[in-house]
Amino acid sequence: MGAVAETMNRKLNAALSPLRLELRDQSALHSGHTHAGTESHFDLTIECAAFAGLTRLARQRLVMGVLAEELAGPVHALSIRAMAPGES
């Protein structure tokens, strides 16, 4: 796991205390793109109690707020699947 992914994992764990956190670096799948070869494209699956009662958009905004610094810099794309406990 690279430095960007480690930072993202640390921030998400600290802010949201997720029950499940899977962050996959998919940068290699985007060869030929401007940001290819760097930690720039990620897929995130996260399950935490903080998402209970929130809309899909509100959940994504919460995650994006936690990762605002990374999204403004090295991260070009982030796919988010955010669930409350018991959802699939």
N, C-alpha and C. Protein backbone atom coordinates (compact mmCIF):
# COMPACT_ATOMS: atom_id res chain seq x y z
N MET A 1 0.85 -1.18 0.00
CA MET A 1 0.00 0.00 0.00
C MET A 1 0.89 1.23 0.00
N GLY A 2 0.57 2.17 -0.87
CA GLY A 2 1.36 3.38 -0.99
C GLY A 2 1.03 4.42 0.07
N ALA A 3 1.80 5.49 0.07
CA ALA A 3 1.65 6.53 1.08
C ALA A 3 0.28 7.21 1.03
N VAL A 4 -0.24 7.46 -0.16
CA VAL A 4 -1.54 8.12 -0.28
C VAL A 4 -2.63 7.22 0.29
N ALA A 5 -2.61 5.94 -0.07
CA ALA A 5 -3.60 4.99 0.44
C ALA A 5 -3.50 4.86 1.96
N GLU A 6 -2.30 4.82 2.47
CA GLU A 6 -2.11 4.72 3.93
C GLU A 6 -2.70 5.93 4.63
N THR A 7 -2.48 7.12 4.09
CA THR A 7 -3.03 8.34 4.67
C THR A 7 -4.55 8.32 4.62
N MET A 8 -5.11 7.90 3.49
CA MET A 8 -6.56 7.83 3.36
C MET A 8 -7.15 6.84 4.36
N ASN A 9 -6.54 5.68 4.49
CA ASN A 9 -6.99 4.68 5.47
C ASN A 9 -6.96 5.25 6.88
N ARG A 10 -5.86 5.89 7.23
CA ARG A 10 -5.70 6.45 8.57
C ARG A 10 -6.78 7.49 8.86
N LYS A 11 -7.00 8.40 7.92
CA LYS A 11 -7.99 9.46 8.11
C LYS A 11 -9.41 8.90 8.23
N LEU A 12 -9.75 7.95 7.37
CA LEU A 12 -11.09 7.36 7.42
C LEU A 12 -11.32 6.60 8.72
N ASN A 13 -10.32 5.85 9.16
CA ASN A 13 -10.44 5.13 10.43
C ASN A 13 -10.59 6.09 11.61
N ALA A 14 -9.81 7.14 11.62
CA ALA A 14 -9.86 8.10 12.72
C ALA A 14 -11.18 8.87 12.77
N ALA A 15 -11.69 9.27 11.61
CA ALA A 15 -12.89 10.11 11.56
C ALA A 15 -14.19 9.33 11.67
N LEU A 16 -14.22 8.10 11.12
CA LEU A 16 -15.49 7.39 11.01
C LEU A 16 -15.57 6.07 11.76
N SER A 17 -14.47 5.57 12.28
CA SER A 17 -14.43 4.27 12.97
C SER A 17 -15.24 3.21 12.23
N PRO A 18 -14.89 2.94 11.00
CA PRO A 18 -15.69 2.00 10.20
C PRO A 18 -15.60 0.56 10.70
N LEU A 19 -16.68 -0.17 10.47
CA LEU A 19 -16.69 -1.60 10.75
C LEU A 19 -15.97 -2.35 9.63
N ARG A 20 -16.01 -1.77 8.45
CA ARG A 20 -15.37 -2.36 7.27
C ARG A 20 -14.80 -1.23 6.43
N LEU A 21 -13.58 -1.41 5.99
CA LEU A 21 -12.94 -0.41 5.14
C LEU A 21 -12.06 -1.15 4.12
N GLU A 22 -12.43 -1.02 2.87
CA GLU A 22 -11.65 -1.63 1.79
C GLU A 22 -11.31 -0.53 0.79
N LEU A 23 -10.05 -0.19 0.71
CA LEU A 23 -9.58 0.84 -0.21
C LEU A 23 -8.66 0.18 -1.22
N ARG A 24 -9.06 0.20 -2.47
CA ARG A 24 -8.29 -0.44 -3.52
C ARG A 24 -7.72 0.61 -4.47
N ASP A 25 -6.43 0.52 -4.69
CA ASP A 25 -5.76 1.41 -5.64
C ASP A 25 -5.97 0.84 -7.03
N GLN A 26 -6.69 1.56 -7.87
CA GLN A 26 -6.97 1.11 -9.23
C GLN A 26 -6.23 1.94 -10.27
N SER A 27 -5.21 2.62 -9.85
CA SER A 27 -4.45 3.50 -10.74
C SER A 27 -3.88 2.76 -11.94
N ALA A 28 -3.44 1.54 -11.74
CA ALA A 28 -2.84 0.77 -12.83
C ALA A 28 -3.84 0.48 -13.95
N LEU A 29 -5.13 0.48 -13.63
CA LEU A 29 -6.17 0.22 -14.63
C LEU A 29 -6.37 1.41 -15.56
N HIS A 30 -5.77 2.53 -15.22
CA HIS A 30 -5.97 3.76 -15.99
C HIS A 30 -4.70 4.19 -16.72
N SER A 31 -3.94 3.23 -17.17
CA SER A 31 -2.72 3.55 -17.91
C SER A 31 -3.09 4.36 -19.15
N GLY A 32 -2.28 5.33 -19.46
CA GLY A 32 -2.56 6.21 -20.58
C GLY A 32 -3.28 7.48 -20.17
N HIS A 33 -3.83 7.50 -18.94
CA HIS A 33 -4.47 8.72 -18.45
C HIS A 33 -3.40 9.66 -17.91
N THR A 34 -3.77 10.87 -17.71
CA THR A 34 -2.85 11.90 -17.23
C THR A 34 -2.15 11.49 -15.94
N HIS A 35 -2.88 10.87 -15.03
CA HIS A 35 -2.33 10.57 -13.71
C HIS A 35 -1.84 9.13 -13.59
N ALA A 36 -1.71 8.43 -14.69
CA ALA A 36 -1.30 7.02 -14.65
C ALA A 36 0.06 6.87 -13.98
N GLY A 37 0.21 5.77 -13.24
CA GLY A 37 1.47 5.47 -12.59
C GLY A 37 1.60 6.06 -11.20
N THR A 38 0.60 6.81 -10.78
CA THR A 38 0.60 7.38 -9.43
C THR A 38 -0.59 6.84 -8.67
N GLU A 39 -0.63 7.08 -7.38
CA GLU A 39 -1.81 6.72 -6.58
C GLU A 39 -2.87 7.77 -6.85
N SER A 40 -3.65 7.56 -7.89
CA SER A 40 -4.58 8.60 -8.32
C SER A 40 -6.03 8.14 -8.45
N HIS A 41 -6.25 6.85 -8.61
CA HIS A 41 -7.60 6.30 -8.80
C HIS A 41 -7.86 5.24 -7.73
N PHE A 42 -8.93 5.43 -6.97
CA PHE A 42 -9.24 4.50 -5.88
C PHE A 42 -10.70 4.08 -5.90
N ASP A 43 -10.93 2.88 -5.36
CA ASP A 43 -12.27 2.35 -5.16
C ASP A 43 -12.41 2.09 -3.66
N LEU A 44 -13.44 2.65 -3.04
CA LEU A 44 -13.62 2.55 -1.59
C LEU A 44 -14.95 1.89 -1.27
N THR A 45 -14.90 0.88 -0.41
CA THR A 45 -16.09 0.32 0.20
C THR A 45 -15.94 0.55 1.69
N ILE A 46 -16.93 1.21 2.30
CA ILE A 46 -16.83 1.53 3.71
C ILE A 46 -18.19 1.34 4.37
N GLU A 47 -18.17 0.73 5.54
CA GLU A 47 -19.39 0.49 6.32
C GLU A 47 -19.17 1.07 7.71
N CYS A 48 -20.05 1.98 8.11
CA CYS A 48 -19.93 2.54 9.45
C CYS A 48 -21.26 3.06 9.95
N ALA A 49 -21.40 3.11 11.26
CA ALA A 49 -22.62 3.55 11.92
C ALA A 49 -22.95 5.00 11.60
N ALA A 50 -21.95 5.81 11.32
CA ALA A 50 -22.17 7.23 11.02
C ALA A 50 -23.04 7.44 9.79
N PHE A 51 -23.17 6.42 8.94
CA PHE A 51 -23.96 6.54 7.71
C PHE A 51 -25.44 6.23 7.93
N ALA A 52 -25.80 5.69 9.07
CA ALA A 52 -27.19 5.33 9.34
C ALA A 52 -28.09 6.57 9.21
N GLY A 53 -29.12 6.44 8.42
CA GLY A 53 -30.08 7.53 8.24
C GLY A 53 -29.67 8.58 7.24
N LEU A 54 -28.48 8.48 6.69
CA LEU A 54 -28.01 9.46 5.71
C LEU A 54 -28.31 8.98 4.29
N THR A 55 -28.55 9.93 3.41
CA THR A 55 -28.73 9.60 2.00
C THR A 55 -27.39 9.20 1.40
N ARG A 56 -27.45 8.61 0.22
CA ARG A 56 -26.22 8.22 -0.47
C ARG A 56 -25.32 9.44 -0.70
N LEU A 57 -25.92 10.54 -1.08
CA LEU A 57 -25.15 11.75 -1.33
C LEU A 57 -24.51 12.28 -0.05
N ALA A 58 -25.26 12.27 1.04
CA ALA A 58 -24.71 12.75 2.32
C ALA A 58 -23.55 11.87 2.78
N ARG A 59 -23.65 10.58 2.54
CA ARG A 59 -22.57 9.66 2.91
C ARG A 59 -21.32 9.97 2.09
N GLN A 60 -21.50 10.18 0.80
CA GLN A 60 -20.36 10.49 -0.06
C GLN A 60 -19.73 11.82 0.33
N ARG A 61 -20.56 12.80 0.65
CA ARG A 61 -20.02 14.10 1.08
C ARG A 61 -19.23 13.98 2.37
N LEU A 62 -19.69 13.13 3.28
CA LEU A 62 -18.98 12.91 4.54
C LEU A 62 -17.59 12.32 4.26
N VAL A 63 -17.54 11.31 3.43
CA VAL A 63 -16.26 10.69 3.07
C VAL A 63 -15.36 11.71 2.37
N MET A 64 -15.92 12.43 1.42
CA MET A 64 -15.13 13.41 0.67
C MET A 64 -14.62 14.53 1.57
N GLY A 65 -15.38 14.88 2.59
CA GLY A 65 -14.92 15.88 3.56
C GLY A 65 -13.70 15.39 4.33
N VAL A 66 -13.73 14.14 4.72
CA VAL A 66 -12.59 13.54 5.45
C VAL A 66 -11.35 13.52 4.56
N LEU A 67 -11.56 13.26 3.27
CA LEU A 67 -10.44 13.12 2.33
C LEU A 67 -10.23 14.35 1.45
N ALA A 68 -10.69 15.50 1.90
CA ALA A 68 -10.64 16.72 1.09
C ALA A 68 -9.23 17.06 0.61
N GLU A 69 -8.25 16.90 1.47
CA GLU A 69 -6.87 17.24 1.10
C GLU A 69 -6.36 16.33 -0.01
N GLU A 70 -6.66 15.04 0.09
CA GLU A 70 -6.21 14.09 -0.93
C GLU A 70 -6.96 14.32 -2.25
N LEU A 71 -8.24 14.63 -2.17
CA LEU A 71 -9.03 14.87 -3.38
C LEU A 71 -8.63 16.17 -4.08
N ALA A 72 -8.04 17.08 -3.34
CA ALA A 72 -7.57 18.34 -3.93
C ALA A 72 -6.16 18.18 -4.50
N GLY A 73 -5.53 17.07 -4.19
CA GLY A 73 -4.15 16.88 -4.63
C GLY A 73 -3.96 15.62 -5.43
N PRO A 74 -3.39 14.59 -4.82
CA PRO A 74 -2.97 13.43 -5.60
C PRO A 74 -4.09 12.53 -6.13
N VAL A 75 -5.27 12.55 -5.50
CA VAL A 75 -6.34 11.65 -5.91
C VAL A 75 -7.18 12.30 -7.00
N HIS A 76 -7.19 11.64 -8.14
CA HIS A 76 -7.92 12.14 -9.31
C HIS A 76 -9.34 11.59 -9.35
N ALA A 77 -9.54 10.34 -8.90
CA ALA A 77 -10.85 9.71 -8.95
C ALA A 77 -11.04 8.81 -7.74
N LEU A 78 -12.25 8.86 -7.16
CA LEU A 78 -12.58 8.04 -6.01
C LEU A 78 -14.01 7.53 -6.18
N SER A 79 -14.14 6.23 -6.30
CA SER A 79 -15.46 5.59 -6.34
C SER A 79 -15.80 5.19 -4.90
N ILE A 80 -17.00 5.58 -4.43
CA ILE A 80 -17.37 5.37 -3.04
C ILE A 80 -18.61 4.51 -2.94
N ARG A 81 -18.51 3.42 -2.19
CA ARG A 81 -19.67 2.63 -1.81
C ARG A 81 -19.74 2.69 -0.28
N ALA A 82 -20.68 3.49 0.23
CA ALA A 82 -20.78 3.74 1.65
C ALA A 82 -22.08 3.13 2.19
N MET A 83 -21.94 2.30 3.22
CA MET A 83 -23.08 1.58 3.77
C MET A 83 -23.15 1.73 5.28
N ALA A 84 -24.36 1.69 5.80
CA ALA A 84 -24.57 1.62 7.23
C ALA A 84 -24.54 0.14 7.63
N PRO A 85 -24.32 -0.18 8.88
CA PRO A 85 -24.30 -1.58 9.31
C PRO A 85 -25.60 -2.29 8.91
N GLY A 86 -25.45 -3.49 8.39
CA GLY A 86 -26.60 -4.28 7.98
C GLY A 86 -27.03 -4.08 6.54
N GLU A 87 -26.50 -3.09 5.88
CA GLU A 87 -26.82 -2.87 4.47
C GLU A 87 -25.85 -3.69 3.61
N SER A 88 -26.29 -3.97 2.39
CA SER A 88 -25.38 -4.69 1.50
C SER A 88 -25.30 -4.01 0.15
